[in-house]
Amino acid sequence: EVQMVESGGGMVQAGESLRLSCAASGFNFADYAIAWFRQDPGKEREGVSCISKSDDTTYYADSVKGRFTISRDNAKKTVYLQMNNLKPEDTAVYFCAASRPLDLERWLVVGGYEYRGQGTQVTVSS
């Protein structure tokens, strides 16, 4: 059974940090690029960050550059999203997704995935 399980969400104040984790199982994790997407009710889904299967290429949405860092541990089949200096506009449900895109950067924009998790809520108060 394929699973992607996010954890680490919560409620914080602006300027604080959170670290999200995405634990995967049931598929060959090392063959997949992983991305974090977020969606807030009433807003479009946004690609936040993605990382190549070999951990040598990362991309970020302009809205999070310099504040968020994505990383992965293929041995643990886990991807992390370190989120610093959080802002109220970062409030959303964050979910991780796995895919094998031809264009990693474009994947953040167009979305799509083979597998995804249920998401974890991040709420940032001002």
Foldseek 3Di string as FASTA:
>chain_A
DWAWAKDFADEEAAQAKIKMKIFIDDDQLLQWKKWKWWDDPPDDIFTAKIAGSVRPDMDGDPVQPPFWDWGDDSVRRMIMIIGGRDDQVVWTWMKMAIANDPDGHVCRVPPDGDDMHPTDTHGYHD
